[in-house]
Structure formats: C-alpha cells, structure tokens
PDB file of N, CA and C in Angstrom:
ATOM      1  N   MET A   1     202.112 126.383 144.172  1.00  0.00           N
ATOM      2  CA  MET A   1     201.061 126.968 143.294  1.00  0.00           C
ATOM      3  C   MET A   1     200.799 128.225 143.225  1.00  0.00           C
ATOM      4  N   LYS A   2     200.724 128.804 142.268  1.00  0.00           N
ATOM      5  CA  LYS A   2     200.682 130.329 142.255  1.00  0.00           C
ATOM      6  C   LYS A   2     199.032 130.629 142.301  1.00  0.00           C
ATOM      7  N   LYS A   3     198.648 131.796 143.153  1.00  0.00           N
ATOM      8  CA  LYS A   3     197.423 132.128 143.399  1.00  0.00           C
ATOM      9  C   LYS A   3     197.147 132.833 142.135  1.00  0.00           C
ATOM     10  N   PRO A   4     195.683 132.452 141.778  1.00  0.00           N
ATOM     11  CA  PRO A   4     194.763 132.981 140.547  1.00  0.00           C
ATOM     12  C   PRO A   4     194.576 134.246 140.959  1.00  0.00           C
ATOM     13  N   THR A   5     194.508 135.186 139.690  1.00  0.00           N
ATOM     14  CA  THR A   5     194.061 136.610 139.851  1.00  0.00           C
ATOM     15  C   THR A   5     192.595 136.923 139.535  1.00  0.00           C
ATOM     16  N   SER A   6     191.908 135.895 138.893  1.00  0.00           N
ATOM     17  CA  SER A   6     190.567 135.950 138.625  1.00  0.00           C
ATOM     18  C   SER A   6     189.956 134.756 138.491  1.00  0.00           C
ATOM     19  N   VAL A   7     188.398 135.054 138.686  1.00  0.00           N
ATOM     20  CA  VAL A   7     187.921 133.520 138.606  1.00  0.00           C
ATOM     21  C   VAL A   7     188.013 132.883 137.309  1.00  0.00           C
ATOM     22  N   ASP A   8     188.194 133.545 136.192  1.00  0.00           N
ATOM     23  CA  ASP A   8     188.448 132.995 135.148  1.00  0.00           C
ATOM     24  C   ASP A   8     189.579 132.066 135.013  1.00  0.00           C
ATOM     25  N   GLU A   9     190.519 132.704 135.333  1.00  0.00           N
ATOM     26  CA  GLU A   9     192.008 131.800 135.439  1.00  0.00           C
ATOM     27  C   GLU A   9     191.781 130.982 136.505  1.00  0.00           C
ATOM     28  N   TYR A  10     191.187 130.891 137.618  1.00  0.00           N
ATOM     29  CA  TYR A  10     191.056 130.016 138.397  1.00  0.00           C
ATOM     30  C   TYR A  10     190.621 128.639 137.726  1.00  0.00           C
ATOM     31  N   ILE A  11     189.323 128.926 137.289  1.00  0.00           N
ATOM     32  CA  ILE A  11     188.495 127.854 136.510  1.00  0.00           C
ATOM     33  C   ILE A  11     189.500 127.385 135.390  1.00  0.00           C
ATOM     34  N   SER A  12     190.285 128.200 134.664  1.00  0.00           N
ATOM     35  CA  SER A  12     190.928 127.356 133.249  1.00  0.00           C
ATOM     36  C   SER A  12     192.073 126.552 133.816  1.00  0.00           C
ATOM     37  N   TRP A  13     192.638 126.225 135.030  1.00  0.00           N
ATOM     38  CA  TRP A  13     193.296 125.556 135.704  1.00  0.00           C
ATOM     39  C   TRP A  13     193.091 124.262 135.759  1.00  0.00           C
ATOM     40  N   PHE A  14     191.758 123.881 135.805  1.00  0.00           N
ATOM     41  CA  PHE A  14     190.990 122.623 135.611  1.00  0.00           C
ATOM     42  C   PHE A  14     190.798 121.913 134.398  1.00  0.00           C
ATOM     43  N   PRO A  15     190.559 120.501 134.497  1.00  0.00           N
ATOM     44  CA  PRO A  15     190.253 119.823 133.073  1.00  0.00           C
ATOM     45  C   PRO A  15     189.086 120.282 132.810  1.00  0.00           C
ATOM     46  N   ALA A  16     188.379 119.893 131.592  1.00  0.00           N
ATOM     47  CA  ALA A  16     187.210 120.727 130.779  1.00  0.00           C
ATOM     48  C   ALA A  16     186.079 120.126 131.563  1.00  0.00           C
ATOM     49  N   SER A  17     186.073 118.945 131.903  1.00  0.00           N
ATOM     50  CA  SER A  17     184.805 118.284 132.626  1.00  0.00           C
ATOM     51  C   SER A  17     184.757 118.996 134.197  1.00  0.00           C
ATOM     52  N   THR A  18     185.708 119.344 134.863  1.00  0.00           N
ATOM     53  CA  THR A  18     185.487 120.030 135.962  1.00  0.00           C
ATOM     54  C   THR A  18     185.455 121.746 135.714  1.00  0.00           C
ATOM     55  N   GLN A  19     185.805 122.162 134.735  1.00  0.00           N
ATOM     56  CA  GLN A  19     185.464 123.400 134.321  1.00  0.00           C
ATOM     57  C   GLN A  19     184.014 123.647 134.069  1.00  0.00           C
ATOM     58  N   LYS A  20     183.490 122.680 133.477  1.00  0.00           N
ATOM     59  CA  LYS A  20     181.977 122.829 133.113  1.00  0.00           C
ATOM     60  C   LYS A  20     181.212 123.141 134.532  1.00  0.00           C
ATOM     61  N   LEU A  21     181.600 122.122 135.717  1.00  0.00           N
ATOM     62  CA  LEU A  21     180.908 122.127 136.753  1.00  0.00           C
ATOM     63  C   LEU A  21     181.153 123.477 137.468  1.00  0.00           C
ATOM     64  N   LEU A  22     182.439 124.146 137.447  1.00  0.00           N
ATOM     65  CA  LEU A  22     182.836 125.257 138.035  1.00  0.00           C
ATOM     66  C   LEU A  22     182.119 126.457 137.580  1.00  0.00           C
ATOM     67  N   GLN A  23     181.876 126.405 136.386  1.00  0.00           N
ATOM     68  CA  GLN A  23     181.002 127.279 135.608  1.00  0.00           C
ATOM     69  C   GLN A  23     179.806 127.343 135.753  1.00  0.00           C
ATOM     70  N   GLN A  24     179.276 126.295 135.990  1.00  0.00           N
ATOM     71  CA  GLN A  24     177.996 125.845 136.810  1.00  0.00           C
ATOM     72  C   GLN A  24     177.643 126.576 137.726  1.00  0.00           C
ATOM     73  N   MET A  25     178.577 126.462 138.878  1.00  0.00           N
ATOM     74  CA  MET A  25     178.567 126.789 140.247  1.00  0.00           C
ATOM     75  C   MET A  25     178.540 128.382 139.931  1.00  0.00           C
ATOM     76  N   ARG A  26     179.537 128.746 139.206  1.00  0.00           N
ATOM     77  CA  ARG A  26     179.713 130.500 139.393  1.00  0.00           C
ATOM     78  C   ARG A  26     178.292 130.870 138.891  1.00  0.00           C
ATOM     79  N   ALA A  27     177.805 130.610 137.699  1.00  0.00           N
ATOM     80  CA  ALA A  27     176.463 131.217 137.023  1.00  0.00           C
ATOM     81  C   ALA A  27     175.153 131.032 138.111  1.00  0.00           C
ATOM     82  N   THR A  28     175.309 129.692 138.838  1.00  0.00           N
ATOM     83  CA  THR A  28     174.183 129.605 139.837  1.00  0.00           C
ATOM     84  C   THR A  28     174.351 130.899 140.811  1.00  0.00           C
ATOM     85  N   ILE A  29     175.537 131.078 141.309  1.00  0.00           N
ATOM     86  CA  ILE A  29     175.889 132.030 142.506  1.00  0.00           C
ATOM     87  C   ILE A  29     175.531 133.424 141.781  1.00  0.00           C
ATOM     88  N   LYS A  30     175.936 133.715 140.880  1.00  0.00           N
ATOM     89  CA  LYS A  30     175.476 134.816 140.150  1.00  0.00           C
ATOM     90  C   LYS A  30     173.943 135.523 140.081  1.00  0.00           C
ATOM     91  N   LYS A  31     173.529 134.143 139.437  1.00  0.00           N
ATOM     92  CA  LYS A  31     171.891 134.295 139.368  1.00  0.00           C
ATOM     93  C   LYS A  31     171.337 134.565 140.641  1.00  0.00           C
ATOM     94  N   ALA A  32     171.697 133.886 142.037  1.00  0.00           N
ATOM     95  CA  ALA A  32     171.020 133.864 143.149  1.00  0.00           C
ATOM     96  C   ALA A  32     171.771 135.213 143.814  1.00  0.00           C
ATOM     97  N   ALA A  33     172.702 135.641 143.178  1.00  0.00           N
ATOM     98  CA  ALA A  33     173.198 137.035 144.069  1.00  0.00           C
ATOM     99  C   ALA A  33     173.958 137.666 143.141  1.00  0.00           C
ATOM    100  N   PRO A  34     172.682 138.475 142.324  1.00  0.00           N
ATOM    101  CA  PRO A  34     173.651 139.165 141.144  1.00  0.00           C
ATOM    102  C   PRO A  34     174.280 140.538 141.451  1.00  0.00           C
ATOM    103  N   ASN A  35     174.044 141.051 142.471  1.00  0.00           N
ATOM    104  CA  ASN A  35     174.655 142.243 143.226  1.00  0.00           C
ATOM    105  C   ASN A  35     176.048 141.969 143.941  1.00  0.00           C
ATOM    106  N   ALA A  36     176.610 140.697 143.961  1.00  0.00           N
ATOM    107  CA  ALA A  36     177.590 140.308 144.974  1.00  0.00           C
ATOM    108  C   ALA A  36     178.762 140.648 144.095  1.00  0.00           C
ATOM    109  N   GLU A  37     179.915 140.909 144.762  1.00  0.00           N
ATOM    110  CA  GLU A  37     181.143 141.012 143.969  1.00  0.00           C
ATOM    111  C   GLU A  37     181.969 139.526 144.211  1.00  0.00           C
ATOM    112  N   GLU A  38     182.316 139.560 142.905  1.00  0.00           N
ATOM    113  CA  GLU A  38     183.333 138.334 142.640  1.00  0.00           C
ATOM    114  C   GLU A  38     184.698 138.626 142.645  1.00  0.00           C
ATOM    115  N   VAL A  39     185.179 137.838 143.833  1.00  0.00           N
ATOM    116  CA  VAL A  39     186.342 138.043 144.157  1.00  0.00           C
ATOM    117  C   VAL A  39     187.171 136.673 144.274  1.00  0.00           C
ATOM    118  N   ILE A  40     188.744 136.710 144.445  1.00  0.00           N
ATOM    119  CA  ILE A  40     189.602 135.711 144.850  1.00  0.00           C
ATOM    120  C   ILE A  40     189.731 136.000 146.313  1.00  0.00           C
ATOM    121  N   SER A  41     189.785 134.818 147.256  1.00  0.00           N
ATOM    122  CA  SER A  41     189.924 134.932 148.449  1.00  0.00           C
ATOM    123  C   SER A  41     190.412 133.710 148.869  1.00  0.00           C
ATOM    124  N   TYR A  42     191.495 133.376 149.816  1.00  0.00           N
ATOM    125  CA  TYR A  42     191.913 132.453 150.176  1.00  0.00           C
ATOM    126  C   TYR A  42     192.416 131.557 149.025  1.00  0.00           C
ATOM    127  N   ALA A  43     192.663 132.189 147.888  1.00  0.00           N
ATOM    128  CA  ALA A  43     193.081 131.579 146.394  1.00  0.00           C
ATOM    129  C   ALA A  43     192.034 130.899 145.818  1.00  0.00           C
ATOM    130  N   MET A  44     190.610 131.005 146.211  1.00  0.00           N
ATOM    131  CA  MET A  44     189.610 130.545 145.384  1.00  0.00           C
ATOM    132  C   MET A  44     188.580 131.576 145.244  1.00  0.00           C
ATOM    133  N   PRO A  45     187.716 131.418 144.346  1.00  0.00           N
ATOM    134  CA  PRO A  45     186.549 132.033 144.112  1.00  0.00           C
ATOM    135  C   PRO A  45     185.657 132.445 145.155  1.00  0.00           C
ATOM    136  N   ALA A  46     185.211 133.561 145.458  1.00  0.00           N
ATOM    137  CA  ALA A  46     184.154 134.137 146.816  1.00  0.00           C
ATOM    138  C   ALA A  46     183.336 134.756 146.311  1.00  0.00           C
ATOM    139  N   TYR A  47     182.397 135.496 146.750  1.00  0.00           N
ATOM    140  CA  TYR A  47     181.335 136.225 146.615  1.00  0.00           C
ATOM    141  C   TYR A  47     181.111 137.239 147.841  1.00  0.00           C
ATOM    142  N   LYS A  48     181.302 138.338 147.803  1.00  0.00           N
ATOM    143  CA  LYS A  48     180.869 139.356 148.706  1.00  0.00           C
ATOM    144  C   LYS A  48     179.641 140.160 148.467  1.00  0.00           C
ATOM    145  N   GLN A  49     178.936 140.402 149.494  1.00  0.00           N
ATOM    146  CA  GLN A  49     177.758 141.240 149.596  1.00  0.00           C
ATOM    147  C   GLN A  49     177.501 141.332 150.895  1.00  0.00           C
ATOM    148  N   ASN A  50     178.014 142.753 151.604  1.00  0.00           N
ATOM    149  CA  ASN A  50     177.725 142.764 153.059  1.00  0.00           C
ATOM    150  C   ASN A  50     178.409 141.876 154.027  1.00  0.00           C
ATOM    151  N   GLY A  51     179.718 141.636 153.549  1.00  0.00           N
ATOM    152  CA  GLY A  51     180.669 140.649 153.677  1.00  0.00           C
ATOM    153  C   GLY A  51     180.547 139.292 152.603  1.00  0.00           C
ATOM    154  N   ILE A  52     181.260 138.186 153.323  1.00  0.00           N
ATOM    155  CA  ILE A  52     181.490 137.128 152.131  1.00  0.00           C
ATOM    156  C   ILE A  52     180.234 136.414 152.321  1.00  0.00           C
ATOM    157  N   LEU A  53     179.555 136.035 151.335  1.00  0.00           N
ATOM    158  CA  LEU A  53     178.512 135.003 151.014  1.00  0.00           C
ATOM    159  C   LEU A  53     179.034 133.464 151.021  1.00  0.00           C
ATOM    160  N   VAL A  54     179.444 133.025 149.907  1.00  0.00           N
ATOM    161  CA  VAL A  54     180.195 131.976 149.813  1.00  0.00           C
ATOM    162  C   VAL A  54     181.285 131.729 149.056  1.00  0.00           C
ATOM    163  N   TYR A  55     181.982 130.824 149.108  1.00  0.00           N
ATOM    164  CA  TYR A  55     183.353 130.284 148.342  1.00  0.00           C
ATOM    165  C   TYR A  55     183.106 128.943 147.825  1.00  0.00           C
ATOM    166  N   PHE A  56     183.769 128.668 146.561  1.00  0.00           N
ATOM    167  CA  PHE A  56     183.767 127.557 145.647  1.00  0.00           C
ATOM    168  C   PHE A  56     185.193 127.358 145.317  1.00  0.00           C
ATOM    169  N   ALA A  57     185.449 125.974 145.476  1.00  0.00           N
ATOM    170  CA  ALA A  57     186.820 125.469 144.742  1.00  0.00           C
ATOM    171  C   ALA A  57     186.685 124.020 144.170  1.00  0.00           C
ATOM    172  N   GLY A  58     187.550 123.881 143.265  1.00  0.00           N
ATOM    173  CA  GLY A  58     187.597 122.702 142.460  1.00  0.00           C
ATOM    174  C   GLY A  58     188.645 121.735 143.180  1.00  0.00           C
ATOM    175  N   TYR A  59     188.341 120.448 142.927  1.00  0.00           N
ATOM    176  CA  TYR A  59     189.254 119.421 143.605  1.00  0.00           C
ATOM    177  C   TYR A  59     189.389 118.097 142.619  1.00  0.00           C
ATOM    178  N   GLU A  60     190.169 117.398 142.773  1.00  0.00           N
ATOM    179  CA  GLU A  60     190.177 116.005 141.907  1.00  0.00           C
ATOM    180  C   GLU A  60     189.151 115.440 141.604  1.00  0.00           C
ATOM    181  N   LYS A  61     188.233 115.117 143.090  1.00  0.00           N
ATOM    182  CA  LYS A  61     187.134 114.145 142.830  1.00  0.00           C
ATOM    183  C   LYS A  61     185.723 115.001 143.581  1.00  0.00           C
ATOM    184  N   HIS A  62     186.132 116.219 143.532  1.00  0.00           N
ATOM    185  CA  HIS A  62     184.695 117.030 144.250  1.00  0.00           C
ATOM    186  C   HIS A  62     184.859 118.537 143.562  1.00  0.00           C
ATOM    187  N   ILE A  63     183.689 119.143 144.005  1.00  0.00           N
ATOM    188  CA  ILE A  63     183.768 120.630 144.043  1.00  0.00           C
ATOM    189  C   ILE A  63     183.432 121.096 145.198  1.00  0.00           C
ATOM    190  N   GLY A  64     184.254 122.041 146.070  1.00  0.00           N
ATOM    191  CA  GLY A  64     183.505 122.446 147.419  1.00  0.00           C
ATOM    192  C   GLY A  64     182.940 123.550 147.429  1.00  0.00           C
ATOM    193  N   PHE A  65     182.209 123.598 148.340  1.00  0.00           N
ATOM    194  CA  PHE A  65     181.243 124.925 148.376  1.00  0.00           C
ATOM    195  C   PHE A  65     181.484 124.876 149.828  1.00  0.00           C
ATOM    196  N   TYR A  66     181.242 126.380 150.043  1.00  0.00           N
ATOM    197  CA  TYR A  66     181.682 126.783 151.441  1.00  0.00           C
ATOM    198  C   TYR A  66     180.767 128.124 151.837  1.00  0.00           C
ATOM    199  N   PRO A  67     179.557 127.822 152.167  1.00  0.00           N
ATOM    200  CA  PRO A  67     178.451 128.781 152.520  1.00  0.00           C
ATOM    201  C   PRO A  67     178.551 129.207 153.982  1.00  0.00           C
ATOM    202  N   THR A  68     179.501 128.837 154.674  1.00  0.00           N
ATOM    203  CA  THR A  68     179.680 129.067 155.967  1.00  0.00           C
ATOM    204  C   THR A  68     178.883 128.223 156.786  1.00  0.00           C
ATOM    205  N   GLY A  69     179.559 128.243 158.089  1.00  0.00           N
ATOM    206  CA  GLY A  69     178.523 127.281 159.032  1.00  0.00           C
ATOM    207  C   GLY A  69     176.823 127.372 158.864  1.00  0.00           C
ATOM    208  N   ARG A  70     176.632 128.576 159.196  1.00  0.00           N
ATOM    209  CA  ARG A  70     175.111 128.662 159.198  1.00  0.00           C
ATOM    210  C   ARG A  70     174.299 128.209 157.601  1.00  0.00           C
ATOM    211  N   GLY A  71     175.030 128.249 156.572  1.00  0.00           N
ATOM    212  CA  GLY A  71     174.674 128.156 155.244  1.00  0.00           C
ATOM    213  C   GLY A  71     174.473 126.381 155.243  1.00  0.00           C
ATOM    214  N   ILE A  72     175.333 125.740 156.280  1.00  0.00           N
ATOM    215  CA  ILE A  72     175.465 124.400 155.958  1.00  0.00           C
ATOM    216  C   ILE A  72     174.463 123.873 157.012  1.00  0.00           C
ATOM    217  N   GLU A  73     174.373 124.523 158.467  1.00  0.00           N
ATOM    218  CA  GLU A  73     173.188 124.194 159.450  1.00  0.00           C
ATOM    219  C   GLU A  73     171.851 124.502 159.201  1.00  0.00           C
ATOM    220  N   GLU A  74     171.478 125.511 158.180  1.00  0.00           N
ATOM    221  CA  GLU A  74     170.137 125.636 157.901  1.00  0.00           C
ATOM    222  C   GLU A  74     169.617 124.576 156.907  1.00  0.00           C
ATOM    223  N   PHE A  75     170.552 124.098 156.226  1.00  0.00           N
ATOM    224  CA  PHE A  75     170.328 123.141 155.008  1.00  0.00           C
ATOM    225  C   PHE A  75     170.659 121.772 155.286  1.00  0.00           C
ATOM    226  N   LYS A  76     170.970 121.321 156.617  1.00  0.00           N
ATOM    227  CA  LYS A  76     171.788 119.997 157.013  1.00  0.00           C
ATOM    228  C   LYS A  76     170.931 118.754 156.499  1.00  0.00           C
ATOM    229  N   SER A  77     169.773 119.132 156.313  1.00  0.00           N
ATOM    230  CA  SER A  77     168.777 117.873 155.915  1.00  0.00           C
ATOM    231  C   SER A  77     168.965 117.672 154.391  1.00  0.00           C
ATOM    232  N   GLU A  78     168.906 118.836 153.558  1.00  0.00           N
ATOM    233  CA  GLU A  78     169.045 118.854 152.191  1.00  0.00           C
ATOM    234  C   GLU A  78     170.565 118.208 151.741  1.00  0.00           C
ATOM    235  N   LEU A  79     171.171 118.642 152.545  1.00  0.00           N
ATOM    236  CA  LEU A  79     172.957 118.387 152.316  1.00  0.00           C
ATOM    237  C   LEU A  79     173.249 116.968 152.798  1.00  0.00           C
ATOM    238  N   SER A  80     172.400 116.273 153.477  1.00  0.00           N
ATOM    239  CA  SER A  80     172.629 114.762 154.332  1.00  0.00           C
ATOM    240  C   SER A  80     173.448 113.825 153.270  1.00  0.00           C
ATOM    241  N   GLY A  81     172.833 113.966 152.030  1.00  0.00           N
ATOM    242  CA  GLY A  81     173.714 112.996 151.287  1.00  0.00           C
ATOM    243  C   GLY A  81     174.854 113.587 150.563  1.00  0.00           C
ATOM    244  N   TYR A  82     175.426 114.379 151.071  1.00  0.00           N
ATOM    245  CA  TYR A  82     176.880 114.903 150.664  1.00  0.00           C
ATOM    246  C   TYR A  82     177.810 114.934 152.039  1.00  0.00           C
ATOM    247  N   LYS A  83     178.969 114.572 151.597  1.00  0.00           N
ATOM    248  CA  LYS A  83     180.226 114.796 152.764  1.00  0.00           C
ATOM    249  C   LYS A  83     180.168 116.255 153.264  1.00  0.00           C
ATOM    250  N   SER A  84     179.965 116.439 154.367  1.00  0.00           N
ATOM    251  CA  SER A  84     180.179 118.043 154.679  1.00  0.00           C
ATOM    252  C   SER A  84     180.874 117.993 155.993  1.00  0.00           C
ATOM    253  N   GLY A  85     181.368 119.353 156.327  1.00  0.00           N
ATOM    254  CA  GLY A  85     182.060 119.774 157.591  1.00  0.00           C
ATOM    255  C   GLY A  85     181.187 120.944 158.201  1.00  0.00           C
ATOM    256  N   LYS A  86     181.775 121.699 158.903  1.00  0.00           N
ATOM    257  CA  LYS A  86     181.190 122.753 159.705  1.00  0.00           C
ATOM    258  C   LYS A  86     180.973 123.875 158.980  1.00  0.00           C
ATOM    259  N   GLY A  87     181.588 124.186 157.685  1.00  0.00           N
ATOM    260  CA  GLY A  87     181.368 125.412 157.132  1.00  0.00           C
ATOM    261  C   GLY A  87     181.398 125.036 155.541  1.00  0.00           C
ATOM    262  N   SER A  88     181.522 123.411 155.200  1.00  0.00           N
ATOM    263  CA  SER A  88     181.445 123.277 153.691  1.00  0.00           C
ATOM    264  C   SER A  88     180.990 121.817 153.472  1.00  0.00           C
ATOM    265  N   VAL A  89     180.823 121.768 152.010  1.00  0.00           N
ATOM    266  CA  VAL A  89     180.292 120.518 151.462  1.00  0.00           C
ATOM    267  C   VAL A  89     180.831 120.215 150.290  1.00  0.00           C
ATOM    268  N   GLN A  90     180.844 119.035 149.942  1.00  0.00           N
ATOM    269  CA  GLN A  90     181.638 118.356 148.916  1.00  0.00           C
ATOM    270  C   GLN A  90     180.808 117.628 147.875  1.00  0.00           C
ATOM    271  N   PHE A  91     180.670 118.078 146.697  1.00  0.00           N
ATOM    272  CA  PHE A  91     179.908 117.844 145.943  1.00  0.00           C
ATOM    273  C   PHE A  91     180.521 116.707 144.615  1.00  0.00           C
ATOM    274  N   PRO A  92     180.567 115.492 144.779  1.00  0.00           N
ATOM    275  CA  PRO A  92     181.292 114.557 143.559  1.00  0.00           C
ATOM    276  C   PRO A  92     180.928 114.981 142.425  1.00  0.00           C
ATOM    277  N   ILE A  93     182.370 115.247 141.448  1.00  0.00           N
ATOM    278  CA  ILE A  93     182.167 115.787 140.161  1.00  0.00           C
ATOM    279  C   ILE A  93     181.915 114.638 139.104  1.00  0.00           C
ATOM    280  N   ASP A  94     181.412 113.417 139.700  1.00  0.00           N
ATOM    281  CA  ASP A  94     180.947 112.524 138.673  1.00  0.00           C
ATOM    282  C   ASP A  94     179.287 112.486 138.747  1.00  0.00           C
ATOM    283  N   GLU A  95     178.753 113.432 139.756  1.00  0.00           N
ATOM    284  CA  GLU A  95     177.174 113.532 139.540  1.00  0.00           C
ATOM    285  C   GLU A  95     177.095 115.076 139.249  1.00  0.00           C
ATOM    286  N   PRO A  96     175.836 115.487 138.744  1.00  0.00           N
ATOM    287  CA  PRO A  96     175.428 116.626 138.517  1.00  0.00           C
ATOM    288  C   PRO A  96     175.449 117.655 140.059  1.00  0.00           C
ATOM    289  N   LEU A  97     175.754 118.612 139.625  1.00  0.00           N
ATOM    290  CA  LEU A  97     175.251 119.575 140.881  1.00  0.00           C
ATOM    291  C   LEU A  97     174.099 119.976 141.391  1.00  0.00           C
ATOM    292  N   PRO A  98     173.810 120.037 142.510  1.00  0.00           N
ATOM    293  CA  PRO A  98     172.334 120.282 143.019  1.00  0.00           C
ATOM    294  C   PRO A  98     172.002 121.863 142.541  1.00  0.00           C
ATOM    295  N   LEU A  99     172.035 122.338 141.429  1.00  0.00           N
ATOM    296  CA  LEU A  99     172.006 123.950 141.305  1.00  0.00           C
ATOM    297  C   LEU A  99     170.847 124.563 142.109  1.00  0.00           C
ATOM    298  N   LYS A 100     169.826 123.737 142.025  1.00  0.00           N
ATOM    299  CA  LYS A 100     168.410 124.614 142.682  1.00  0.00           C
ATOM    300  C   LYS A 100     168.818 124.851 144.240  1.00  0.00           C
ATOM    301  N   LEU A 101     169.459 123.658 144.944  1.00  0.00           N
ATOM    302  CA  LEU A 101     170.039 123.594 146.393  1.00  0.00           C
ATOM    303  C   LEU A 101     170.658 124.977 146.558  1.00  0.00           C
ATOM    304  N   ILE A 102     171.912 125.011 145.661  1.00  0.00           N
ATOM    305  CA  ILE A 102     172.951 125.952 145.730  1.00  0.00           C
ATOM    306  C   ILE A 102     172.357 126.962 145.471  1.00  0.00           C
ATOM    307  N   GLU A 103     171.221 127.659 144.610  1.00  0.00           N
ATOM    308  CA  GLU A 103     171.041 128.605 144.704  1.00  0.00           C
ATOM    309  C   GLU A 103     169.964 129.115 145.727  1.00  0.00           C
ATOM    310  N   THR A 104     169.470 128.120 146.258  1.00  0.00           N
ATOM    311  CA  THR A 104     168.358 128.587 147.962  1.00  0.00           C
ATOM    312  C   THR A 104     169.312 129.014 148.746  1.00  0.00           C
ATOM    313  N   ILE A 105     170.723 128.154 148.878  1.00  0.00           N
ATOM    314  CA  ILE A 105     171.475 128.597 149.781  1.00  0.00           C
ATOM    315  C   ILE A 105     172.331 129.752 149.774  1.00  0.00           C
ATOM    316  N   VAL A 106     172.450 130.393 148.313  1.00  0.00           N
ATOM    317  CA  VAL A 106     172.910 131.465 148.368  1.00  0.00           C
ATOM    318  C   VAL A 106     172.206 132.802 148.483  1.00  0.00           C
ATOM    319  N   LYS A 107     170.884 132.282 148.132  1.00  0.00           N
ATOM    320  CA  LYS A 107     169.907 133.217 148.472  1.00  0.00           C
ATOM    321  C   LYS A 107     169.720 133.742 150.060  1.00  0.00           C
ATOM    322  N   PHE A 108     169.595 132.411 150.777  1.00  0.00           N
ATOM    323  CA  PHE A 108     169.837 132.319 152.480  1.00  0.00           C
ATOM    324  C   PHE A 108     170.633 133.170 152.621  1.00  0.00           C
ATOM    325  N   ARG A 109     172.151 133.071 152.305  1.00  0.00           N
ATOM    326  CA  ARG A 109     173.137 134.105 152.719  1.00  0.00           C
ATOM    327  C   ARG A 109     172.952 135.243 152.405  1.00  0.00           C
ATOM    328  N   VAL A 110     172.582 135.756 151.046  1.00  0.00           N
ATOM    329  CA  VAL A 110     172.324 137.079 151.028  1.00  0.00           C
ATOM    330  C   VAL A 110     171.515 137.639 151.913  1.00  0.00           C
ATOM    331  N   LEU A 111     170.442 136.892 152.242  1.00  0.00           N
ATOM    332  CA  LEU A 111     169.396 137.654 153.047  1.00  0.00           C
ATOM    333  C   LEU A 111     170.165 137.483 154.628  1.00  0.00           C
ATOM    334  N   GLU A 112     170.744 136.695 154.874  1.00  0.00           N
ATOM    335  CA  GLU A 112     171.346 136.838 156.362  1.00  0.00           C
ATOM    336  C   GLU A 112     172.663 137.789 156.564  1.00  0.00           C
ATOM    337  N   ASN A 113     173.252 138.054 155.595  1.00  0.00           N
ATOM    338  CA  ASN A 113     174.201 139.229 155.307  1.00  0.00           C
ATOM    339  C   ASN A 113     173.564 140.486 155.812  1.00  0.00           C
ATOM    340  N   SER A 114     172.349 140.605 154.741  1.00  0.00           N
ATOM    341  CA  SER A 114     171.506 141.766 154.779  1.00  0.00           C
ATOM    342  C   SER A 114     171.301 142.053 156.233  1.00  0.00           C
ATOM    343  N   GLU A 115     170.722 141.259 156.860  1.00  0.00           N
ATOM    344  CA  GLU A 115     170.060 141.332 158.320  1.00  0.00           C
ATOM    345  C   GLU A 115     171.086 141.835 159.260  1.00  0.00           C
ATOM    346  N   LYS A 116     172.290 141.064 159.262  1.00  0.00           N
ATOM    347  CA  LYS A 116     173.397 141.206 159.937  1.00  0.00           C
ATOM    348  C   LYS A 116     173.677 142.951 159.940  1.00  0.00           C
ATOM    349  N   GLN A 117     173.954 143.284 158.310  1.00  0.00           N
ATOM    350  CA  GLN A 117     174.058 144.335 157.963  1.00  0.00           C
ATOM    351  C   GLN A 117     173.066 145.425 158.642  1.00  0.00           C
ATOM    352  N   LYS A 118     171.994 145.340 158.553  1.00  0.00           N
ATOM    353  CA  LYS A 118     170.801 146.346 159.153  1.00  0.00           C
ATOM    354  C   LYS A 118     171.069 146.323 160.620  1.00  0.00           C
ATOM    355  N   ILE A 119     171.615 145.145 161.415  1.00  0.00           N
ATOM    356  CA  ILE A 119     171.626 145.284 162.784  1.00  0.00           C
ATOM    357  C   ILE A 119     172.986 146.292 162.965  1.00  0.00           C
ATOM    358  N   LYS A 120     173.925 145.906 162.410  1.00  0.00           N
ATOM    359  CA  LYS A 120     175.121 146.933 162.366  1.00  0.00           C
ATOM    360  C   LYS A 120     175.010 148.387 162.444  1.00  0.00           C
ATOM    361  N   MET A 121     174.097 148.525 161.382  1.00  0.00           N
ATOM    362  CA  MET A 121     173.915 149.811 161.238  1.00  0.00           C
ATOM    363  C   MET A 121     172.641 150.826 162.217  1.00  0.00           C
ATOM    364  N   ASN A 122     172.064 149.861 163.147  1.00  0.00           N
ATOM    365  CA  ASN A 122     171.150 150.372 164.343  1.00  0.00           C
ATOM    366  C   ASN A 122     171.872 150.677 165.330  1.00  0.00           C
TER     367      ASN A 122
END
C-alpha cells in the first residue's frame, strides 16, 4: 500500500461512513489544537505542536486514536469502555466518536507539550 501524501488523500481511501468519522476526528483535533501542524507520520494523520500531539488512523472496525502513553494514562477512567493499549485507544466505527473526550485529550497534550518545551528552554 502506498503512503498518503496528505490527510485528505488518507481519508479518501476509506468507505464513506468511515470517512465521516475520520473527518469528525480531524475537525475535533483542529478545534482543540488550532495552531498544530497537520502532517502524515508513520503513514497516518498526525498533529504537531512542540512535538507530536496525537495521531489517528482508520481501520475496518475502528478508528485508532494515539495520544501517547500520557494521553491514555491521564484519561484511563474516561477511556475504560474502549479497547486501549499503552498509547492507543480504539473507537468502534459503529458507535459515535466521543468528540468531547477527544477534544479534552488533545488540549491536555497541547498543554503537556507546551510544558515540556518550557522546561527545554530553561
């Protein structure tokens, strides 16, 4: 499979119902991190601001969301209803995305990366 050159191209590869969820994810991330740069990293959409904030990816049965280990750990109880790993969570494609929670996690990651950047500069 070839690597996408843009997030638009990446999203276009999925069925319409999955595209809708991916667009919702994208819009929610952009709303929570309006200054983040949208890139393709590891062949999936990623958002950078003082380092990588989050990634997301489409799959046959779920949308993968990758807010790093701290992004998962900090919201463990809110994410407990979803299959998750050390730095990832799976949102089933037959359920609405938890957009408010995603927005909160992205804002947490913006703050976390900003704090790390301040420490680096001192």
